Amino acid sequence: IVIHAVGRTLRLDTFRPYFQWQRDRFIALAAIIAVLLLGVLDGLLVAVAVSLVMILRELSEPKLSVLGRLGAGPHFVNLGAHPEANPLPGLLILRPEAPLFFANSERIMAQVRTQITQAQGAPLRAVILSLEESPDLDGTAVESIGELASDLHGRQLKLVLARLKEPAIDVLRRAAIPELPPAQQMNGNVAGAVDAALAAG
């Protein structure tokens, strides 16, 4: 019955945009196959599960962008996408392109350490981490930030956080990380974090 109903109403044109956009193609195909094999309810449940697994997989393998100043203004952009932007001497400005949480925080911090090791030019004074993609921080993320701050402190470098949301500020305040005082957290934008990093240096 389901196959008959779907066969009469299924229009392949409906799925064409997903292939043109190169988005959600696998989920759409999984939903169709699951519904045809398992029925409507079980098939949709399988499709939802596949979607959640793919989201977790994508978030667990985040990209880390290196930021530079665009012109003389307060705007900082990805150096990979904007070669006309300029890195600031002595500062390494990084932005995870996914929310920081238990499944990716250790990987992100490993990437941060790699970027520090590979940094060229003037000796580093501070590392700025822009967390605009993280509306909140779980326990693993807070521990990872604390370990990074301690590690940088041992190298005589400052960790400064930028673009924190209120829930993230609250949890970091309660965590009271010694190497990450409030002055290195309360920065509404990257330009403010740069000022804080230079003042802390």
Protein backbone atom coordinates (compact mmCIF):
# COMPACT_ATOMS: atom_id res chain seq x y z
CA ILE A 1 0.00 0.00 0.00
CA VAL A 2 2.79 2.39 0.96
CA ILE A 3 4.75 1.61 -2.22
CA HIS A 4 1.62 2.12 -4.32
CA ALA A 5 0.78 5.42 -2.63
CA VAL A 6 4.34 6.71 -2.83
CA GLY A 7 4.69 5.52 -6.42
CA ARG A 8 1.66 7.55 -7.50
CA THR A 9 2.71 10.73 -5.68
CA LEU A 10 6.49 10.58 -5.89
CA ARG A 11 7.96 13.29 -8.10
CA LEU A 12 11.66 13.15 -8.76
CA ASP A 13 11.67 16.89 -9.48
CA THR A 14 11.01 17.41 -5.78
CA PHE A 15 14.48 16.09 -4.96
CA ARG A 16 16.37 17.90 -7.72
CA PRO A 17 17.18 21.02 -5.60
CA TYR A 18 18.89 18.87 -2.97
CA PHE A 19 21.29 17.57 -5.59
CA GLN A 20 21.81 21.02 -7.10
CA TRP A 21 22.50 22.51 -3.67
CA GLN A 22 24.60 19.46 -2.74
CA ARG A 23 22.85 19.37 0.61
CA ASP A 24 20.92 16.58 2.39
CA ARG A 25 21.14 14.23 -0.60
CA PHE A 26 22.06 11.20 1.48
CA ILE A 27 19.33 11.92 4.05
CA ALA A 28 16.69 12.27 1.33
CA LEU A 29 17.71 8.97 -0.27
CA ALA A 30 17.86 7.24 3.12
CA ALA A 31 14.38 8.49 3.96
CA ILE A 32 12.92 7.21 0.68
CA ILE A 33 14.55 3.79 0.96
CA ALA A 34 13.69 3.42 4.65
CA VAL A 35 10.03 4.33 4.08
CA LEU A 36 9.75 1.91 1.16
CA LEU A 37 11.36 -0.93 3.14
CA LEU A 38 10.03 -0.33 6.65
CA GLY A 39 6.86 1.68 6.27
CA VAL A 40 6.13 5.31 6.95
CA LEU A 41 6.66 5.55 10.72
CA ASP A 42 9.71 3.28 11.04
CA GLY A 43 11.19 4.70 7.85
CA LEU A 44 10.91 8.28 9.09
CA LEU A 45 12.43 7.28 12.44
CA VAL A 46 15.39 5.76 10.59
CA ALA A 47 15.75 8.93 8.52
CA VAL A 48 15.76 11.08 11.67
CA ALA A 49 18.40 8.82 13.24
CA VAL A 50 20.57 9.02 10.12
CA SER A 51 20.24 12.81 10.15
CA LEU A 52 21.32 13.04 13.80
CA VAL A 53 24.31 10.77 13.23
CA MET A 54 25.43 12.88 10.28
CA ILE A 55 25.09 16.09 12.29
CA LEU A 56 27.16 14.65 15.13
CA ARG A 57 29.78 13.42 12.68
CA GLU A 58 30.04 16.84 11.04
CA LEU A 59 30.27 18.66 14.36
CA SER A 60 32.89 16.22 15.66
CA GLU A 61 35.24 17.07 12.77
CA PRO A 62 35.32 20.88 12.89
CA LYS A 63 37.44 23.26 10.90
CA LEU A 64 39.58 25.87 12.58
CA SER A 65 39.96 29.21 10.81
CA VAL A 66 42.88 31.59 11.26
CA LEU A 67 41.67 35.18 11.33
CA GLY A 68 43.30 38.40 10.18
CA ARG A 69 42.33 42.07 10.17
CA LEU A 70 40.49 43.31 7.11
CA GLY A 71 41.84 46.76 6.30
CA ALA A 72 42.29 49.16 9.18
CA GLY A 73 38.88 48.57 10.73
CA PRO A 74 37.63 46.29 13.49
CA HIS A 75 36.68 43.42 11.19
CA PHE A 76 38.50 40.08 11.38
CA VAL A 77 37.97 37.44 8.71
CA ASN A 78 39.22 34.02 7.68
CA LEU A 79 42.64 34.40 6.07
CA GLY A 80 41.99 31.39 3.86
CA ALA A 81 38.92 33.01 2.31
CA HIS A 82 40.26 36.58 2.37
CA PRO A 83 43.95 36.69 1.37
CA GLU A 84 43.81 40.49 1.47
CA ALA A 85 43.40 40.36 5.26
CA ASN A 86 46.50 40.63 7.42
CA PRO A 87 47.51 38.61 10.50
CA LEU A 88 48.54 40.66 13.51
CA PRO A 89 52.19 40.27 14.58
CA GLY A 90 52.52 38.43 17.86
CA LEU A 91 48.87 37.33 17.93
CA LEU A 92 47.29 34.13 16.70
CA ILE A 93 43.54 34.54 16.22
CA LEU A 94 41.57 31.32 15.75
CA ARG A 95 37.90 30.52 15.27
CA PRO A 96 36.36 27.03 15.49
CA GLU A 97 33.71 26.73 12.80
CA ALA A 98 31.44 24.57 14.96
CA PRO A 99 30.08 24.73 18.51
CA LEU A 100 32.58 23.52 21.09
CA PHE A 101 31.27 20.45 22.94
CA PHE A 102 32.28 17.01 24.19
CA ALA A 103 32.60 15.38 20.77
CA ASN A 104 35.03 17.92 19.30
CA SER A 105 36.64 20.04 22.01
CA GLU A 106 39.79 17.91 22.31
CA ARG A 107 40.23 17.84 18.53
CA ILE A 108 39.83 21.60 18.31
CA MET A 109 42.38 22.19 21.05
CA ALA A 110 44.80 19.83 19.30
CA GLN A 111 44.38 21.94 16.17
CA VAL A 112 45.00 25.08 18.21
CA ARG A 113 48.26 23.65 19.55
CA THR A 114 49.29 22.69 16.02
CA GLN A 115 48.65 26.23 14.82
CA ILE A 116 50.73 27.60 17.70
CA THR A 117 53.60 25.28 16.81
CA GLN A 118 53.43 26.29 13.14
CA ALA A 119 53.07 30.03 13.78
CA GLN A 120 55.60 32.10 11.89
CA GLY A 121 56.74 35.68 12.08
CA ALA A 122 57.01 37.65 15.31
CA PRO A 123 57.12 35.63 18.55
CA LEU A 124 53.63 34.99 19.88
CA ARG A 125 52.34 37.04 22.78
CA ALA A 126 48.82 35.68 22.96
CA VAL A 127 46.31 33.33 21.37
CA ILE A 128 42.78 34.60 20.77
CA LEU A 129 39.98 32.07 20.48
CA SER A 130 36.76 33.40 18.95
CA LEU A 131 33.89 31.24 20.21
CA GLU A 132 31.03 32.89 18.34
CA GLU A 133 29.79 29.47 17.18
CA SER A 134 29.44 28.21 20.77
CA PRO A 135 26.28 29.50 22.47
CA ASP A 136 27.15 27.45 25.57
CA LEU A 137 29.94 25.20 26.85
CA ASP A 138 29.61 21.75 28.38
CA GLY A 139 31.96 20.28 30.99
CA THR A 140 34.36 18.76 28.48
CA ALA A 141 34.65 22.05 26.60
CA VAL A 142 35.37 23.96 29.82
CA GLU A 143 38.03 21.43 30.82
CA SER A 144 39.64 21.66 27.37
CA ILE A 145 39.74 25.45 27.55
CA GLY A 146 41.23 25.27 31.04
CA GLU A 147 43.93 22.83 29.91
CA LEU A 148 44.77 25.06 26.93
CA ALA A 149 44.97 28.14 29.16
CA SER A 150 47.27 26.29 31.56
CA ASP A 151 49.42 25.01 28.70
CA LEU A 152 49.78 28.49 27.22
CA HIS A 153 50.52 29.95 30.63
CA GLY A 154 53.41 27.51 30.91
CA ARG A 155 54.70 28.88 27.59
CA GLN A 156 54.26 32.45 28.86
CA LEU A 157 51.41 33.06 26.44
CA LYS A 158 47.99 34.47 27.20
CA LEU A 159 44.71 32.89 26.12
CA VAL A 160 42.03 35.46 25.36
CA LEU A 161 38.46 34.54 24.45
CA ALA A 162 36.27 36.55 22.11
CA ARG A 163 32.58 36.71 21.26
CA LEU A 164 31.39 34.67 24.22
CA LYS A 165 27.65 34.29 24.76
CA GLU A 166 26.18 34.84 28.22
CA PRO A 167 25.76 31.11 29.10
CA ALA A 168 29.42 30.50 28.21
CA ILE A 169 30.53 33.49 30.25
CA ASP A 170 28.52 32.24 33.24
CA VAL A 171 29.98 28.72 33.16
CA LEU A 172 33.54 30.02 32.78
CA ARG A 173 33.00 32.39 35.68
CA ARG A 174 31.87 29.47 37.85
CA ALA A 175 34.82 27.38 36.63
CA ALA A 176 37.21 30.12 37.82
CA ILE A 177 40.16 29.02 35.69
CA PRO A 178 43.24 30.68 37.26
CA GLU A 179 45.01 31.20 33.92
CA LEU A 180 41.89 32.71 32.36
CA PRO A 181 40.81 35.72 34.43
CA PRO A 182 37.59 37.60 33.56
CA ALA A 183 39.55 40.33 31.77
CA GLN A 184 40.54 37.72 29.18
CA GLN A 185 36.95 36.55 28.69
CA MET A 186 34.76 39.65 28.57
CA ASN A 187 35.30 40.60 24.94
CA GLY A 188 32.29 41.27 22.76
CA ASN A 189 34.26 41.08 19.54
CA VAL A 190 37.68 40.08 18.22
CA ALA A 191 38.88 43.69 18.16
CA GLY A 192 38.21 43.92 21.90
CA ALA A 193 40.03 40.64 22.43
CA VAL A 194 43.02 42.02 20.53
CA ASP A 195 43.08 45.05 22.84
CA ALA A 196 42.85 42.76 25.89
CA ALA A 197 45.63 40.53 24.56
CA LEU A 198 47.94 43.47 23.97
CA ALA A 199 47.13 44.94 27.39
CA ALA A 200 47.75 41.56 29.03
CA GLY A 201 51.04 41.14 27.19
